[in-house]
Protein backbone atom coordinates (compact mmCIF):
# COMPACT_ATOMS: atom_id res chain seq x y z
CA MET A 1 22.72 -27.62 217.59
CA SER A 2 23.62 -23.92 217.66
CA ARG A 3 22.00 -21.70 220.24
CA VAL A 4 19.73 -18.95 218.99
CA ALA A 5 20.43 -15.28 219.74
CA LEU A 6 18.07 -12.37 219.15
CA VAL A 7 19.52 -8.85 219.03
CA THR A 8 17.13 -5.90 219.13
CA GLY A 9 18.24 -2.87 217.16
CA GLY A 10 20.56 -5.39 215.60
CA THR A 11 21.15 -4.04 212.09
CA ARG A 12 23.06 -0.81 212.72
CA GLY A 13 25.80 0.57 214.97
CA ILE A 14 26.57 -1.37 218.12
CA GLY A 15 23.70 -3.76 217.42
CA ALA A 16 25.08 -4.73 214.02
CA ALA A 17 28.49 -5.41 215.54
CA ILE A 18 26.85 -7.60 218.20
CA SER A 19 24.84 -9.55 215.63
CA ILE A 20 27.92 -10.21 213.51
CA ALA A 21 30.10 -11.17 216.49
CA LEU A 22 27.51 -13.65 217.76
CA LYS A 23 27.19 -15.20 214.30
CA ASN A 24 30.98 -15.51 214.06
CA ALA A 25 30.97 -17.18 217.48
CA GLY A 26 28.65 -19.89 216.13
CA TYR A 27 25.20 -18.71 217.19
CA LYS A 28 22.15 -18.62 214.97
CA VAL A 29 21.31 -14.91 215.03
CA ALA A 30 18.16 -12.93 214.35
CA ALA A 31 18.38 -9.13 214.19
CA ASN A 32 15.36 -7.01 215.05
CA TYR A 33 14.91 -3.49 213.69
CA ALA A 34 12.24 -0.82 213.96
CA GLY A 35 12.01 1.12 210.73
CA ASN A 36 14.96 1.38 208.36
CA ASP A 37 14.05 -1.22 205.74
CA ALA A 38 16.90 -0.30 203.40
CA ALA A 39 19.54 -0.69 206.13
CA ALA A 40 18.04 -4.01 207.22
CA GLU A 41 17.99 -5.36 203.67
CA ALA A 42 21.60 -4.32 203.12
CA PHE A 43 22.61 -5.85 206.44
CA THR A 44 21.04 -9.22 205.59
CA LYS A 45 22.57 -9.19 202.11
CA GLU A 46 26.02 -8.49 203.55
CA THR A 47 25.93 -10.82 206.56
CA GLY A 48 23.32 -13.49 205.85
CA ILE A 49 21.68 -12.67 209.20
CA PRO A 50 17.87 -12.63 208.94
CA THR A 51 16.11 -9.46 210.05
CA TYR A 52 12.68 -8.99 211.63
CA LYS A 53 10.80 -5.72 211.85
CA TRP A 54 8.81 -4.63 214.89
CA SER A 55 8.81 -1.94 217.57
CA VAL A 56 10.07 -3.05 220.97
CA ALA A 57 7.77 -0.40 222.48
CA ASP A 58 4.76 -2.54 221.46
CA TYR A 59 4.29 -5.59 223.71
CA ASP A 60 2.03 -7.50 221.32
CA ALA A 61 4.44 -6.87 218.46
CA CYS A 62 7.26 -8.28 220.60
CA VAL A 63 5.27 -11.42 221.38
CA ASP A 64 4.55 -11.90 217.69
CA GLY A 65 8.15 -11.14 216.73
CA VAL A 66 9.55 -13.65 219.20
CA ARG A 67 7.12 -16.24 217.85
CA ARG A 68 8.28 -15.61 214.28
CA VAL A 69 11.97 -15.87 215.20
CA GLU A 70 11.43 -19.08 217.15
CA THR A 71 9.40 -20.59 214.31
CA ASP A 72 12.23 -19.85 211.88
CA LEU A 73 15.31 -20.52 214.02
CA GLY A 74 14.26 -22.31 217.21
CA PRO A 75 13.91 -21.32 220.88
CA ILE A 76 15.70 -18.12 221.83
CA ASP A 77 18.59 -18.81 224.22
CA ILE A 78 20.29 -15.40 224.16
CA LEU A 79 18.45 -12.09 224.16
CA VAL A 80 20.39 -8.88 223.67
CA ASN A 81 18.27 -5.83 224.50
CA ASN A 82 20.11 -3.23 222.46
CA ALA A 83 17.33 -1.19 220.81
CA GLY A 84 17.25 2.41 221.94
CA ILE A 85 16.34 5.94 220.89
CA THR A 86 17.13 9.46 222.03
CA ARG A 87 14.86 12.49 222.25
CA ASP A 88 17.26 14.92 223.89
CA ALA A 89 16.14 18.22 225.43
CA MET A 90 16.87 20.19 228.55
CA PHE A 91 14.29 19.22 231.13
CA HIS A 92 12.48 22.57 231.17
CA LYS A 93 11.90 22.15 227.43
CA MET A 94 11.24 18.40 227.40
CA THR A 95 7.74 17.41 226.33
CA PRO A 96 5.71 14.54 227.82
CA GLN A 97 5.93 12.91 224.37
CA GLN A 98 9.74 13.07 224.37
CA TRP A 99 9.77 11.50 227.83
CA LYS A 100 7.27 8.79 226.93
CA GLU A 101 8.90 7.75 223.65
CA VAL A 102 12.27 7.16 225.27
CA ILE A 103 10.87 5.36 228.32
CA ASP A 104 8.63 3.20 226.12
CA THR A 105 11.52 2.06 223.94
CA ASN A 106 14.56 2.07 226.20
CA LEU A 107 13.00 0.77 229.42
CA THR A 108 9.57 -0.72 228.77
CA GLY A 109 11.00 -2.23 225.59
CA VAL A 110 13.37 -4.31 227.72
CA PHE A 111 10.38 -5.70 229.62
CA ASN A 112 8.43 -6.23 226.40
CA MET A 113 11.23 -8.30 224.87
CA THR A 114 12.33 -10.24 227.92
CA HIS A 115 8.88 -11.24 229.15
CA PRO A 116 7.96 -13.44 226.13
CA VAL A 117 11.29 -15.37 226.15
CA TRP A 118 11.55 -15.79 229.93
CA PRO A 119 9.18 -18.80 230.34
CA GLY A 120 11.06 -20.80 227.69
CA MET A 121 14.41 -20.03 229.28
CA ARG A 122 13.09 -21.13 232.68
CA GLU A 123 11.69 -24.34 231.22
CA ARG A 124 14.94 -25.21 229.44
CA LYS A 125 17.05 -24.17 232.48
CA PHE A 126 19.27 -21.96 230.36
CA GLY A 127 19.23 -18.38 229.21
CA ARG A 128 21.29 -15.28 228.69
CA VAL A 129 19.73 -11.82 228.88
CA ILE A 130 22.17 -9.01 228.10
CA ASN A 131 20.93 -5.44 228.43
CA ILE A 132 22.79 -2.62 226.70
CA SER A 133 22.51 0.33 229.07
CA SER A 134 24.76 3.41 228.93
CA ILE A 135 27.37 5.40 230.82
CA ASN A 136 24.65 8.05 231.09
CA GLY A 137 22.46 5.62 233.00
CA GLN A 138 25.27 5.46 235.55
CA LYS A 139 26.32 9.10 235.84
CA GLY A 140 23.44 11.04 234.27
CA GLN A 141 23.71 13.60 231.48
CA ALA A 142 22.28 17.08 231.06
CA GLY A 143 19.69 17.14 228.31
CA GLN A 144 18.99 13.44 228.75
CA ALA A 145 16.75 13.12 231.81
CA ASN A 146 14.55 10.73 229.85
CA TYR A 147 17.43 8.65 228.42
CA SER A 148 19.40 8.55 231.68
CA ALA A 149 16.30 7.53 233.65
CA ALA A 150 15.51 4.72 231.21
CA LYS A 151 19.08 3.42 231.10
CA ALA A 152 19.37 3.55 234.90
CA GLY A 153 16.08 1.64 235.04
CA ASP A 154 17.62 -1.03 232.82
CA LEU A 155 20.30 -1.57 235.47
CA GLY A 156 17.72 -2.01 238.23
CA PHE A 157 15.81 -4.43 236.02
CA THR A 158 19.03 -6.38 235.41
CA LYS A 159 19.82 -6.76 239.10
CA ALA A 160 16.29 -7.78 240.09
CA LEU A 161 15.77 -10.26 237.27
CA ALA A 162 19.20 -11.81 237.81
CA GLN A 163 18.03 -12.90 241.26
CA GLU A 164 14.93 -14.52 239.80
CA GLY A 165 16.76 -16.31 237.00
CA ALA A 166 19.78 -17.60 238.89
CA ARG A 167 18.36 -20.93 240.04
CA ALA A 168 16.87 -21.54 236.60
CA GLY A 169 20.24 -21.30 234.88
CA ILE A 170 19.52 -17.85 233.44
CA THR A 171 22.02 -15.03 233.76
CA VAL A 172 21.03 -11.39 233.37
CA ASN A 173 23.76 -8.81 232.90
CA ALA A 174 24.23 -5.29 231.56
CA ILE A 175 26.84 -3.45 229.55
CA CYS A 176 27.26 0.32 229.81
CA PRO A 177 29.08 1.66 226.76
CA GLY A 178 30.71 5.07 226.84
CA TYR A 179 31.29 7.07 223.66
CA ILE A 180 31.43 4.55 220.80
CA ALA A 181 32.39 5.29 217.19
CA THR A 182 28.94 4.83 215.69
CA GLU A 183 27.35 6.94 212.95
CA MET A 184 25.59 9.01 215.60
CA VAL A 185 28.76 9.86 217.52
CA LYS A 186 30.84 10.39 214.38
CA ALA A 187 28.26 12.96 213.27
CA ILE A 188 29.18 15.19 216.22
CA ASP A 189 31.08 18.33 215.20
CA GLU A 190 34.79 17.44 215.00
CA LYS A 191 35.78 20.38 217.20
CA VAL A 192 33.31 19.34 219.91
CA LEU A 193 34.57 15.78 219.68
CA LYS A 194 38.23 16.74 220.01
CA GLU A 195 37.93 19.54 222.56
CA ARG A 196 35.08 18.42 224.80
CA ILE A 197 34.52 14.68 224.49
CA LEU A 198 37.87 12.95 223.91
CA PRO A 199 39.58 14.79 226.82
CA GLN A 200 37.06 13.13 229.16
CA ILE A 201 38.18 9.64 228.05
CA PRO A 202 41.46 8.56 229.69
CA VAL A 203 42.36 6.13 226.90
CA GLY A 204 42.13 9.07 224.50
CA ARG A 205 39.84 7.61 221.86
CA LEU A 206 36.31 6.50 221.11
CA GLY A 207 35.38 2.89 221.67
CA GLU A 208 34.67 0.62 218.73
CA PRO A 209 31.33 -1.20 218.32
CA GLU A 210 33.26 -4.47 218.12
CA GLU A 211 34.62 -3.89 221.62
CA ILE A 212 31.07 -3.86 223.00
CA ALA A 213 30.25 -6.90 220.88
CA ARG A 214 33.09 -8.86 222.44
CA CYS A 215 31.65 -8.17 225.88
CA VAL A 216 28.32 -9.56 224.69
CA VAL A 217 29.89 -12.71 223.24
CA PHE A 218 31.61 -13.38 226.57
CA LEU A 219 28.45 -12.85 228.63
CA ALA A 220 26.52 -15.13 226.25
CA SER A 221 29.01 -17.96 226.64
CA ASP A 222 29.09 -20.90 229.02
CA ASP A 223 32.27 -19.40 230.47
CA ALA A 224 30.17 -16.56 231.96
CA GLY A 225 27.76 -18.85 233.81
CA PHE A 226 28.83 -17.58 237.27
CA ILE A 227 28.37 -13.93 236.30
CA THR A 228 24.89 -12.50 236.80
CA GLY A 229 23.42 -9.21 237.94
CA SER A 230 26.65 -7.51 236.86
CA THR A 231 27.42 -4.41 234.85
CA ILE A 232 30.41 -4.11 232.53
CA SER A 233 31.45 -0.46 232.17
CA ALA A 234 33.06 -0.25 228.72
CA ASN A 235 33.92 3.44 228.60
CA GLY A 236 37.70 3.84 228.31
CA GLY A 237 37.99 4.90 231.93
CA GLN A 238 35.64 7.85 231.57
CA TYR A 239 33.53 6.86 234.55
CA PHE A 240 34.20 4.42 237.40
CA VAL A 241 31.49 2.76 239.49
């Protein structure tokens, strides 16, 4: 019987690539999304992957969403916490609302999603929790105090929970993508991209969403059973830890 994987923010960008890669690897995949119904419908039509709508910032919605996925597909064995938002502003201009929205989704959302699946993983003595953090959670970024704080928090969460899950057969790992060729990054002014961003990346190009997805597929596999509490820095050499 195929293992079940749930990918939050799983219908667009990096999340879509992860959902598709896991399906191609033989998992039964559910993709969560927050608001873009048209994109979710198109994604399901194209891939056959079922989609489920709820906000990861809402704990009760996460509990209900997990219940719906497990009713349809079975117990969740692999959770990929990919959902994230940005509300960028220099700190002196950042509002409490901009801070709260990013923390609620990018950090508290990881708790909200992991907490409901954790007891089942412990009971079955198997689980994979894979948190998509960011290079900016490692090095920081001007204009992203909220985002960098949340993504750094995801790394602390990963390391702490890995210690709790180890004896129960659950691994908890993180991936920190650098600049990836998603719609958001491709929308950056071409001159800014060529003159300011690409020169920072030693390999000389943006990463592809599929390259992050391959990291996820590996961490989800039985082959990665001895890897936990780790962070994969997939950034083309832009930043070393």
